[in-house]
Protein backbone atom coordinates (compact mmCIF):
# COMPACT_ATOMS: atom_id res chain seq x y z
CA MET A 1 -10.48 20.31 -0.60
CA MET A 2 -12.74 17.52 0.46
CA LYS A 3 -16.38 18.65 0.56
CA ARG A 4 -17.95 18.77 3.98
CA SER A 5 -21.30 17.05 4.48
CA SER A 6 -24.38 19.21 5.05
CA ASN A 7 -28.18 19.11 5.10
CA LYS A 8 -28.46 21.11 1.90
CA THR A 9 -29.44 18.15 -0.32
CA ARG A 10 -32.02 16.94 2.21
CA SER A 11 -33.61 20.38 2.40
CA GLN A 12 -33.69 20.72 -1.38
CA GLN A 13 -35.41 17.36 -1.71
CA ALA A 14 -37.92 18.25 0.96
CA ALA A 15 -38.62 21.57 -0.75
CA ALA A 16 -39.18 19.79 -4.05
CA ALA A 17 -41.59 17.39 -2.36
CA CYS A 18 -43.53 20.31 -0.91
CA ARG A 19 -43.87 21.85 -4.35
CA LEU A 20 -45.29 18.61 -5.73
CA VAL A 21 -48.13 18.37 -3.22
CA PRO A 22 -50.18 21.32 -4.61
CA LEU A 23 -49.78 19.88 -8.10
CA LEU A 24 -51.06 16.51 -6.95
CA ALA A 25 -53.98 18.24 -5.26
CA LEU A 26 -54.86 20.04 -8.49
CA LEU A 27 -54.66 16.78 -10.43
CA ALA A 28 -57.02 15.15 -7.93
CA TYR A 29 -59.39 18.11 -8.27
CA ILE A 30 -59.36 17.87 -12.08
CA HIS A 31 -59.92 14.12 -11.94
CA TYR A 32 -62.89 14.59 -9.62
CA TYR A 33 -64.31 17.28 -11.85
CA TRP A 34 -63.93 15.14 -14.97
CA THR A 35 -65.47 12.00 -13.54
CA SER A 36 -68.31 13.96 -11.93
CA SER A 37 -69.16 15.92 -15.06
CA SER A 38 -69.01 12.73 -17.17
CA SER A 39 -71.64 11.09 -14.96
CA THR A 40 -74.17 13.88 -15.60
CA SER A 41 -76.39 14.15 -18.66
CA ASN A 42 -74.92 15.51 -21.88
CA ASP A 43 -77.28 18.48 -21.66
CA SER A 44 -76.06 19.63 -18.28
CA ASP A 45 -73.42 22.29 -17.76
CA SER A 46 -70.13 21.74 -16.00
CA LEU A 47 -70.32 20.87 -12.34
CA LEU A 48 -68.49 24.05 -11.37
CA LEU A 49 -70.08 26.43 -13.89
CA SER A 50 -73.73 25.44 -13.97
CA SER A 51 -76.07 27.63 -11.94
CA SER A 52 -78.61 24.81 -11.79
CA SER A 53 -76.33 22.18 -10.21
CA SER A 54 -77.91 20.17 -7.46
CA SER A 55 -77.28 21.05 -3.86
CA SER A 56 -75.38 17.79 -3.39
CA SER A 57 -72.99 18.76 -6.21
CA THR A 58 -72.52 22.17 -4.63
CA ASN A 59 -71.68 20.50 -1.34
CA ASP A 60 -69.15 18.26 -3.11
CA VAL A 61 -67.41 21.27 -4.65
CA GLN A 62 -67.27 22.99 -1.29
CA ALA A 63 -65.80 19.85 0.24
CA ILE A 64 -63.06 19.85 -2.38
CA ARG A 65 -62.30 23.48 -1.65
CA ASN A 66 -62.08 22.67 2.05
CA ASP A 67 -59.69 19.81 1.28
CA LEU A 68 -57.48 22.16 -0.75
CA ALA A 69 -57.41 24.65 2.11
CA THR A 70 -56.41 21.86 4.49
CA ILE A 71 -53.58 20.86 2.15
CA GLN A 72 -52.36 24.46 2.08
CA ASN A 73 -52.34 24.56 5.88
CA ASP A 74 -50.49 21.24 6.04
CA LEU A 75 -47.90 22.57 3.59
CA ALA A 76 -47.34 25.66 5.68
CA GLN A 77 -46.78 23.50 8.77
CA MET A 78 -44.36 21.24 6.87
CA ARG A 79 -42.34 24.28 5.78
CA ARG A 80 -42.17 25.53 9.34
CA ASP A 81 -41.03 22.12 10.56
CA LEU A 82 -38.34 21.93 7.89
CA GLN A 83 -37.44 25.62 8.29
CA LEU A 84 -38.00 26.18 4.59
CA PRO A 85 -38.90 29.59 3.16
CA GLN A 86 -42.64 30.23 2.80
CA GLN A 87 -43.88 29.56 -0.72
CA HIS A 88 -46.57 31.45 -2.57
CA SER A 89 -49.99 29.83 -2.83
CA ILE A 90 -50.64 27.66 -5.85
CA ALA A 91 -52.69 30.44 -7.41
CA GLN A 92 -49.77 32.89 -7.36
CA ALA A 93 -46.85 33.10 -9.76
CA GLN A 94 -43.40 32.44 -8.33
CA PRO A 95 -40.99 35.42 -8.54
CA LYS A 96 -37.87 35.01 -10.67
CA PRO A 97 -34.65 34.77 -8.66
CA GLN A 98 -32.59 37.92 -8.78
CA PRO A 99 -28.94 37.74 -9.84
CA GLN A 100 -26.50 38.03 -6.94
CA SER A 101 -23.45 40.26 -6.76
CA TRP A 102 -20.39 38.71 -5.14
CA ASN A 103 -18.80 42.09 -4.36
CA PHE A 104 -15.33 41.19 -5.58
CA PRO A 105 -13.56 41.62 -8.90
CA PRO A 106 -12.05 38.47 -10.44
CA ASP A 107 -8.36 38.93 -11.24
CA THR A 108 -7.86 37.05 -14.49
CA ASP A 109 -4.42 38.53 -15.16
CA PRO A 110 -1.87 35.75 -14.52
CA LYS A 111 0.95 38.22 -13.95
CA ILE A 112 2.00 38.89 -10.36
CA ALA A 113 4.11 41.59 -8.81
CA LEU A 114 7.01 39.70 -7.24
CA PRO A 115 8.25 41.01 -3.88
CA ALA A 116 10.51 43.98 -4.46
CA ASN A 117 14.21 43.75 -3.62
CA CYS A 118 14.03 40.00 -3.08
CA PRO A 119 17.28 38.37 -4.23
CA LEU A 120 15.60 34.94 -4.22
CA ASN A 121 13.00 35.83 -6.86
CA GLY A 122 13.03 33.13 -9.51
CA SER A 123 14.52 30.46 -7.25
CA THR A 124 12.51 27.40 -6.19
CA LYS A 125 15.05 26.00 -3.72
CA PRO A 126 13.89 25.78 -0.07
CA PRO A 127 15.31 28.37 2.36
CA ALA A 128 17.02 25.69 4.50
CA ASP A 129 19.36 22.80 3.83
CA ARG A 130 17.33 20.54 6.11
CA ILE A 131 13.56 20.65 6.63
CA VAL A 132 12.45 18.40 9.48
CA LEU A 133 8.89 17.23 9.97
CA SER A 134 7.52 15.23 12.89
CA ARG A 135 4.52 15.03 15.16
CA SER A 136 6.55 16.32 18.11
CA ARG A 137 7.68 19.39 16.17
CA LEU A 138 4.18 20.31 15.04
CA GLY A 139 2.65 19.66 18.46
CA ALA A 140 -0.62 18.04 19.43
CA SER A 141 -2.85 21.02 18.71
CA SER A 142 -3.19 23.81 16.18
CA HIS A 143 -0.93 26.84 16.36
CA PRO A 144 -2.30 29.85 18.30
CA ARG A 145 -1.99 32.02 15.18
CA LEU A 146 -4.56 29.82 13.45
CA GLN A 147 -6.98 30.51 16.27
CA GLU A 148 -6.52 34.23 15.59
CA VAL A 149 -7.08 34.13 11.82
CA LYS A 150 -9.90 31.56 11.68
CA ARG A 151 -12.48 34.37 11.77
CA PHE A 152 -11.43 35.25 8.21
CA THR A 153 -12.62 31.98 6.66
CA LYS A 154 -16.14 30.63 6.20
CA PRO A 155 -17.80 30.37 9.65
CA SER A 156 -18.29 26.61 9.45
CA TYR A 157 -14.59 26.23 8.52
CA GLU A 158 -13.30 27.78 11.73
CA THR A 159 -13.31 24.34 13.35
CA PHE A 160 -11.30 22.88 10.48
CA LEU A 161 -8.75 25.70 10.33
CA SER A 162 -8.04 25.29 14.04
CA GLY A 163 -8.09 21.46 13.97
CA PRO A 164 -5.05 19.52 15.26
CA PRO A 165 -2.45 17.98 12.91
CA GLY A 166 -3.48 14.53 11.85
CA ARG A 167 -7.07 15.68 11.51
CA GLU A 168 -6.46 18.88 9.54
CA HIS A 169 -3.41 20.01 7.56
CA TYR A 170 -3.43 23.73 8.34
CA THR A 171 -0.98 23.44 11.23
CA LEU A 172 1.43 21.68 8.84
CA LEU A 173 1.15 24.55 6.33
CA HIS A 174 1.68 27.11 9.07
CA TYR A 175 4.64 25.20 10.50
CA LEU A 176 6.45 25.05 7.15
CA ALA A 177 5.84 28.71 6.36
CA SER A 178 6.70 30.03 9.82
CA THR A 179 9.63 27.75 10.69
CA TYR A 180 11.46 27.79 7.36
CA GLY A 181 9.97 30.75 5.52
CA ARG A 182 10.00 33.40 8.22
CA THR A 183 13.00 35.24 6.78
CA ASP A 184 12.33 34.25 3.16
CA CYS A 185 11.17 37.08 0.93
CA ARG A 186 9.48 34.94 -1.74
CA HIS A 187 5.74 34.50 -2.09
CA LEU A 188 4.01 31.17 -1.38
CA VAL A 189 1.40 29.54 -3.62
CA ASP A 190 -1.98 27.99 -2.76
CA VAL A 191 -3.63 26.29 -5.75
CA GLY A 192 -7.32 25.88 -4.92
CA THR A 193 -8.64 28.93 -3.03
CA ARG A 194 -12.06 27.77 -1.91
CA PHE A 195 -12.64 29.36 1.54
CA VAL A 196 -9.08 30.81 1.79
CA ALA A 197 -8.23 28.57 4.77
CA SER A 198 -4.92 27.25 3.40
CA SER A 199 -3.87 30.75 2.35
CA LEU A 200 -4.60 32.07 5.83
CA ALA A 201 -2.51 29.29 7.39
CA LEU A 202 0.41 30.23 5.14
CA ALA A 203 -0.01 34.00 5.45
CA ALA A 204 -0.30 33.97 9.25
CA ALA A 205 3.33 32.92 9.50
CA ALA A 206 5.76 35.70 8.70
CA GLY A 207 4.19 38.38 6.60
CA HIS A 208 5.21 37.03 3.20
CA MET A 209 2.76 37.28 0.30
CA VAL A 210 0.53 34.34 -0.55
CA VAL A 211 -0.82 33.99 -4.08
CA THR A 212 -3.93 31.82 -4.20
CA VAL A 213 -5.23 30.57 -7.53
CA ASP A 214 -8.65 29.32 -8.58
CA LEU A 215 -10.63 29.01 -11.80
CA PRO A 216 -12.21 32.01 -13.51
CA GLY A 217 -15.72 32.42 -12.18
CA SER A 218 -14.99 30.76 -8.85
CA THR A 219 -17.02 32.49 -6.12
CA GLU A 220 -16.66 30.22 -3.09
CA ARG A 221 -14.36 32.66 -1.30
CA ARG A 222 -17.24 35.11 -0.89
CA LEU A 223 -18.38 32.96 2.05
CA ALA A 224 -15.07 33.68 3.78
CA PHE A 225 -15.62 37.42 3.31
CA ARG A 226 -18.77 37.25 5.50
CA GLY A 227 -20.55 40.11 3.78
CA ARG A 228 -17.46 42.24 3.16
CA THR A 229 -16.21 43.24 -0.23
CA GLN A 230 -12.92 41.65 -1.24
CA PRO A 231 -10.90 44.86 -0.66
CA ALA A 232 -12.51 45.28 2.78
CA TRP A 233 -11.68 41.67 3.66
CA ILE A 234 -8.07 42.13 2.54
CA ASP A 235 -7.80 45.28 4.67
CA ALA A 236 -9.27 43.47 7.69
CA VAL A 237 -6.75 40.64 7.34
CA ARG A 238 -3.89 43.12 6.98
CA GLU A 239 -4.98 44.99 10.12
CA ALA A 240 -5.46 41.84 12.22
CA PRO A 241 -3.28 41.55 15.36
CA GLY A 242 0.08 39.90 14.70
CA VAL A 243 1.78 39.41 11.38
CA VAL A 244 -0.44 38.36 8.52
CA GLY A 245 0.98 38.59 5.02
CA PRO A 246 -0.98 39.94 2.07
CA ILE A 247 -3.12 37.47 0.13
CA GLN A 248 -3.41 37.97 -3.61
CA PHE A 249 -6.29 36.29 -5.47
CA LYS A 250 -5.91 35.03 -9.03
CA ASN A 251 -8.66 33.51 -11.19
CA VAL A 252 -6.74 31.90 -14.05
CA ARG A 253 -6.43 28.57 -15.83
CA LEU A 254 -2.93 27.48 -14.90
CA LEU A 255 -2.65 25.01 -17.76
CA GLU A 256 -3.45 27.66 -20.37
CA ILE A 257 -1.34 30.67 -19.33
CA SER A 258 2.03 31.37 -20.93
CA THR A 259 5.18 29.62 -19.77
CA GLU A 260 6.53 32.98 -18.64
CA ASP A 261 3.52 33.71 -16.44
CA PHE A 262 3.38 30.15 -15.08
CA THR A 263 7.09 30.29 -14.22
CA ALA A 264 6.66 33.59 -12.36
CA LEU A 265 3.65 32.30 -10.41
CA MET A 266 5.46 29.11 -9.38
CA SER A 267 8.83 30.69 -8.61
CA THR A 268 8.71 29.71 -4.96
CA TRP A 269 9.80 26.88 -2.70
CA LEU A 270 6.40 25.85 -1.28
CA ILE A 271 3.21 25.08 -3.22
CA SER A 272 -0.03 23.62 -1.84
CA LEU A 273 -2.19 21.75 -4.37
CA ASP A 274 -5.78 21.11 -3.28
CA THR A 275 -8.23 21.08 -6.16
CA TYR A 276 -10.64 18.71 -7.92
CA HIS A 277 -9.27 15.31 -6.79
CA LYS A 278 -10.11 13.51 -10.05
CA PRO A 279 -6.63 12.93 -11.52
CA ARG A 280 -7.88 10.29 -13.95
CA THR A 281 -11.27 11.58 -15.18
CA ALA A 282 -10.54 15.33 -14.82
CA PRO A 283 -6.75 15.24 -14.66
CA PHE A 284 -5.86 18.79 -13.63
CA GLU A 285 -3.57 17.66 -10.79
CA ARG A 286 -1.69 15.31 -13.09
CA ALA A 287 -1.23 17.94 -15.82
CA PHE A 288 -0.25 20.59 -13.25
CA LEU A 289 2.50 18.36 -11.91
CA GLU A 290 3.79 17.70 -15.42
CA ARG A 291 4.01 21.41 -16.12
CA LEU A 292 5.68 22.09 -12.79
CA ARG A 293 8.30 19.40 -13.49
CA SER A 294 9.02 20.99 -16.86
CA LEU A 295 10.32 24.06 -14.98
CA SER A 296 12.94 21.98 -13.14
CA PHE A 297 11.12 22.80 -9.91
CA GLN A 298 13.31 22.25 -6.83
CA GLY A 299 10.91 22.97 -4.00
CA LEU A 300 8.15 21.23 -2.03
CA LEU A 301 4.71 20.31 -3.37
CA LEU A 302 2.01 19.42 -0.82
CA LEU A 303 -0.88 17.28 -2.08
CA ASP A 304 -4.11 17.20 -0.11
CA ASP A 305 -6.61 14.30 0.08
CA ILE A 306 -4.37 11.60 -1.40
CA HIS A 307 -6.57 8.90 0.20
CA LEU A 308 -9.90 10.59 -0.45
CA ASN A 309 -11.14 8.38 -3.30
CA ASP A 310 -9.97 5.63 -5.63
CA GLU A 311 -8.61 8.05 -8.23
CA MET A 312 -6.47 9.87 -5.68
CA LYS A 313 -5.25 6.59 -4.19
CA GLU A 314 -4.28 5.31 -7.63
CA TRP A 315 -2.48 8.56 -8.46
CA TRP A 316 -0.57 8.54 -5.17
CA THR A 317 0.57 4.97 -5.87
CA GLU A 318 1.71 6.09 -9.32
CA LEU A 319 3.60 9.03 -7.83
CA GLN A 320 5.37 6.72 -5.41
CA GLU A 321 6.34 4.28 -8.14
CA HIS A 322 7.83 7.00 -10.36
CA ALA A 323 9.47 9.07 -7.61
CA THR A 324 13.07 8.41 -8.65
CA GLU A 325 12.32 8.67 -12.36
CA TRP A 326 10.45 11.96 -11.97
CA GLY A 327 12.97 13.55 -9.66
CA TYR A 328 11.48 13.77 -6.17
CA ARG A 329 10.99 11.84 -2.93
CA ALA A 330 7.40 11.04 -1.91
CA PHE A 331 6.31 11.10 1.72
CA ASP A 332 2.91 10.15 3.11
CA ILE A 333 2.57 12.58 6.02
CA THR A 334 -1.11 12.03 6.77
CA HIS A 335 -0.27 11.55 10.46
CA ILE A 336 0.65 15.27 10.67
CA GLY A 337 -1.59 16.47 7.84
CA HIS A 338 -5.18 15.94 6.75
CA TYR A 339 -6.99 12.78 7.86
CA SER A 340 -8.08 12.20 4.24
CA GLY A 341 -4.44 11.99 3.19
CA THR A 342 -1.55 14.43 2.80
CA GLY A 343 1.35 13.72 0.47
CA LEU A 344 4.62 15.62 0.13
CA LEU A 345 6.74 15.60 -3.02
CA ASP A 346 10.23 16.80 -2.15
CA PHE A 347 12.10 17.94 -5.26
CA SER A 348 14.89 19.43 -3.13
CA GLY A 349 16.22 16.48 -1.18
CA THR A 350 16.11 18.54 2.02
CA VAL A 351 13.11 16.98 3.79
CA VAL A 352 13.50 14.69 6.79
CA VAL A 353 10.32 13.09 8.12
CA GLU A 354 11.20 11.60 11.47
CA ASP A 355 8.11 9.45 11.96
CA ALA A 356 6.97 8.47 8.47
CA VAL A 357 8.10 6.11 5.74
CA GLU A 358 9.67 7.54 2.60
CA SER A 359 8.56 6.09 -0.73
């Protein structure tokens, strides 16, 4: 998912600047001491250590100390203005940061428990012979269910999760899952967990399971938990008003797991791919698509941020050019998806986009 802008970098730079000021003050102090002591006779003691220093030298030292105190006061005011945490004085040692606990266990087992008694397990064909997409069908605003589940993502993402189609893509995800997957017993897949927003949009549809996958060690979803443990968050989602399907978290490297496990994970008709967005320099998306095609996938693959940067634009052009050869139809559905670009690869031949151009 495209990173949202923040003031974090500005604050970090300001904090670094504040830490430099005491050092500069000390350097100035040392320089003054050196030049002053060099100007005295060779027989005299140091300006700061000699008990026989002149009264004028003593006054100079006191003036320096007063200047240092003023600098400390100025630093404190700067921190208050920038709302930065109070630092220790330059004479105190800084405490070592303590390791944080994310309060959730990573699930690095690629195996999933497929829905029991589901005759469609293993099939990647869509649940309908005709899947129609249009601005009029999605509506001009987000679905009410997204308003209800937005409290389960990162607080600053509530606005995005409830954003209208054409600005955000969550209504599109919810529409597909609720309109065509309501009676389908298969799980849905969200590749790129981050703040769980896409998974919530899919799970808020009909109660089907959503499997969301991210890299081992990924911890961004903790911000969606809002202080809860992962089990407590899952329970809260399950107990939310309305139908919200279970969300299963996986922390695995999809390009390294066995073909058997990859096939089981991807045995569904709808997959959302929203990851690193560097298909040329860090080509996970490209390699993922190749592996998915090797399974004779017959479903729908949603690609987020296809116009985000030059690499994504180049890859989308490549996908359009090879659509027939690689066995799908490519639709740019940004007008009902994410403003940074939403692409749909239809391996099923069932999609009709009423107000977009097929490639």
